[in-house]
Amino acid sequence: MSTPAFTEQSLGKRGSEVITGAVTGKNFAIIVAGPSGATISAITCSNKSNASALIGTLPAGYTSYGNFSAITVTSGAIEAYNA
């Protein structure tokens, strides 16, 4: 029996990327704000209504699930888990 995709993603089995600038053209399933939080100035998520509401400062540990394809971090860091 194979491991469900959401479990693989949440455990980092598919890898992740720490974002401190702009990333486009990749697909992430989970984003988590770093230990100092993160400020986001742009975000694209195809399956999240009103994803632009995430623009601004996110507290440390803030986690969001979706199909993220672009994100711009202007302060702090986001760990983005590969979809």
C-alpha atoms as a PDB file:
ATOM      1  CA  MET A   1       0.000   0.000   0.000  1.00  0.00           C
ATOM      2  CA  SER A   2       1.447   3.383  -0.935  1.00  0.00           C
ATOM      3  CA  THR A   3       1.637   6.367   1.392  1.00  0.00           C
ATOM      4  CA  PRO A   4      -1.090   8.963   0.760  1.00  0.00           C
ATOM      5  CA  ALA A   5       0.258  12.066  -0.986  1.00  0.00           C
ATOM      6  CA  PHE A   6      -0.750  14.452   1.801  1.00  0.00           C
ATOM      7  CA  THR A   7       1.261  12.423   4.311  1.00  0.00           C
ATOM      8  CA  GLU A   8       4.326  12.398   2.060  1.00  0.00           C
ATOM      9  CA  GLN A   9       4.051  16.165   1.653  1.00  0.00           C
ATOM     10  CA  SER A  10       3.470  16.931   5.314  1.00  0.00           C
ATOM     11  CA  LEU A  11       6.463  14.826   6.321  1.00  0.00           C
ATOM     12  CA  GLY A  12       8.678  16.448   3.681  1.00  0.00           C
ATOM     13  CA  LYS A  13       9.270  13.212   1.755  1.00  0.00           C
ATOM     14  CA  ARG A  14       8.848  15.079  -1.553  1.00  0.00           C
ATOM     15  CA  GLY A  15      11.283  17.770  -0.456  1.00  0.00           C
ATOM     16  CA  SER A  16      10.912  21.417   0.355  1.00  0.00           C
ATOM     17  CA  GLU A  17      12.440  24.768  -0.408  1.00  0.00           C
ATOM     18  CA  VAL A  18      13.132  27.701   1.884  1.00  0.00           C
ATOM     19  CA  ILE A  19      11.935  30.828   0.096  1.00  0.00           C
ATOM     20  CA  THR A  20      13.389  34.232   0.928  1.00  0.00           C
ATOM     21  CA  GLY A  21      12.644  35.953  -2.386  1.00  0.00           C
ATOM     22  CA  ALA A  22      10.451  35.266  -5.425  1.00  0.00           C
ATOM     23  CA  VAL A  23       9.690  31.789  -6.780  1.00  0.00           C
ATOM     24  CA  THR A  24       7.470  31.026  -9.779  1.00  0.00           C
ATOM     25  CA  GLY A  25       6.828  27.995 -11.955  1.00  0.00           C
ATOM     26  CA  LYS A  26       6.969  25.431  -9.157  1.00  0.00           C
ATOM     27  CA  ASN A  27       4.159  23.674  -7.315  1.00  0.00           C
ATOM     28  CA  PHE A  28       3.972  23.610  -3.545  1.00  0.00           C
ATOM     29  CA  ALA A  29       1.290  21.923  -1.450  1.00  0.00           C
ATOM     30  CA  ILE A  30       2.098  23.433   1.945  1.00  0.00           C
ATOM     31  CA  ILE A  31       3.703  26.692   3.048  1.00  0.00           C
ATOM     32  CA  VAL A  32       4.956  27.353   6.580  1.00  0.00           C
ATOM     33  CA  ALA A  33       6.235  30.699   7.886  1.00  0.00           C
ATOM     34  CA  GLY A  34       9.737  30.494   9.373  1.00  0.00           C
ATOM     35  CA  PRO A  35      10.749  31.099  12.985  1.00  0.00           C
ATOM     36  CA  SER A  36      10.679  34.890  12.572  1.00  0.00           C
ATOM     37  CA  GLY A  37       7.468  34.881  10.538  1.00  0.00           C
ATOM     38  CA  ALA A  38       7.323  36.080   6.942  1.00  0.00           C
ATOM     39  CA  THR A  39       6.042  38.977   4.903  1.00  0.00           C
ATOM     40  CA  ILE A  40       4.489  38.014   1.573  1.00  0.00           C
ATOM     41  CA  SER A  41       3.938  40.584  -1.173  1.00  0.00           C
ATOM     42  CA  ALA A  42       2.486  38.244  -3.845  1.00  0.00           C
ATOM     43  CA  ILE A  43       1.053  34.733  -3.895  1.00  0.00           C
ATOM     44  CA  THR A  44      -0.722  32.497  -6.424  1.00  0.00           C
ATOM     45  CA  CYS A  45      -2.792  29.518  -5.286  1.00  0.00           C
ATOM     46  CA  SER A  46      -5.145  27.985  -7.862  1.00  0.00           C
ATOM     47  CA  ASN A  47      -7.427  26.183  -5.439  1.00  0.00           C
ATOM     48  CA  LYS A  48      -7.754  28.674  -2.590  1.00  0.00           C
ATOM     49  CA  SER A  49     -10.477  31.312  -2.666  1.00  0.00           C
ATOM     50  CA  ASN A  50      -9.144  34.773  -1.813  1.00  0.00           C
ATOM     51  CA  ALA A  51      -5.501  33.614  -1.577  1.00  0.00           C
ATOM     52  CA  SER A  52      -4.490  37.279  -1.781  1.00  0.00           C
ATOM     53  CA  ALA A  53      -5.685  37.603   1.832  1.00  0.00           C
ATOM     54  CA  LEU A  54      -2.387  35.887   2.747  1.00  0.00           C
ATOM     55  CA  ILE A  55      -0.470  38.920   1.481  1.00  0.00           C
ATOM     56  CA  GLY A  56       1.025  40.661   4.465  1.00  0.00           C
ATOM     57  CA  THR A  57       2.858  39.456   7.546  1.00  0.00           C
ATOM     58  CA  LEU A  58       2.352  35.868   8.659  1.00  0.00           C
ATOM     59  CA  PRO A  59       3.298  34.831  12.199  1.00  0.00           C
ATOM     60  CA  ALA A  60       5.955  32.200  12.856  1.00  0.00           C
ATOM     61  CA  GLY A  61       4.650  28.704  12.173  1.00  0.00           C
ATOM     62  CA  TYR A  62       1.626  29.851  10.159  1.00  0.00           C
ATOM     63  CA  THR A  63       0.719  26.953   7.845  1.00  0.00           C
ATOM     64  CA  SER A  64      -1.463  26.948   4.739  1.00  0.00           C
ATOM     65  CA  TYR A  65      -2.389  24.128   2.356  1.00  0.00           C
ATOM     66  CA  GLY A  66      -3.182  24.532  -1.342  1.00  0.00           C
ATOM     67  CA  ASN A  67      -1.734  24.436  -4.844  1.00  0.00           C
ATOM     68  CA  PHE A  68       0.797  27.280  -4.651  1.00  0.00           C
ATOM     69  CA  SER A  69       2.603  28.110  -7.898  1.00  0.00           C
ATOM     70  CA  ALA A  70       4.176  31.494  -7.120  1.00  0.00           C
ATOM     71  CA  ILE A  71       5.162  33.300  -3.947  1.00  0.00           C
ATOM     72  CA  THR A  72       7.186  36.411  -3.173  1.00  0.00           C
ATOM     73  CA  VAL A  73       8.655  36.787   0.308  1.00  0.00           C
ATOM     74  CA  THR A  74       9.950  40.258   1.172  1.00  0.00           C
ATOM     75  CA  SER A  75      10.969  39.584   4.775  1.00  0.00           C
ATOM     76  CA  GLY A  76      11.626  36.421   6.771  1.00  0.00           C
ATOM     77  CA  ALA A  77      11.301  33.003   5.202  1.00  0.00           C
ATOM     78  CA  ILE A  78       8.719  30.476   4.042  1.00  0.00           C
ATOM     79  CA  GLU A  79       9.360  26.754   3.881  1.00  0.00           C
ATOM     80  CA  ALA A  80       7.400  25.441   0.898  1.00  0.00           C
ATOM     81  CA  TYR A  81       6.778  21.700   0.575  1.00  0.00           C
ATOM     82  CA  ASN A  82       6.813  20.261  -2.941  1.00  0.00           C
ATOM     83  CA  ALA A  83       3.494  19.013  -4.323  1.00  0.00           C
END
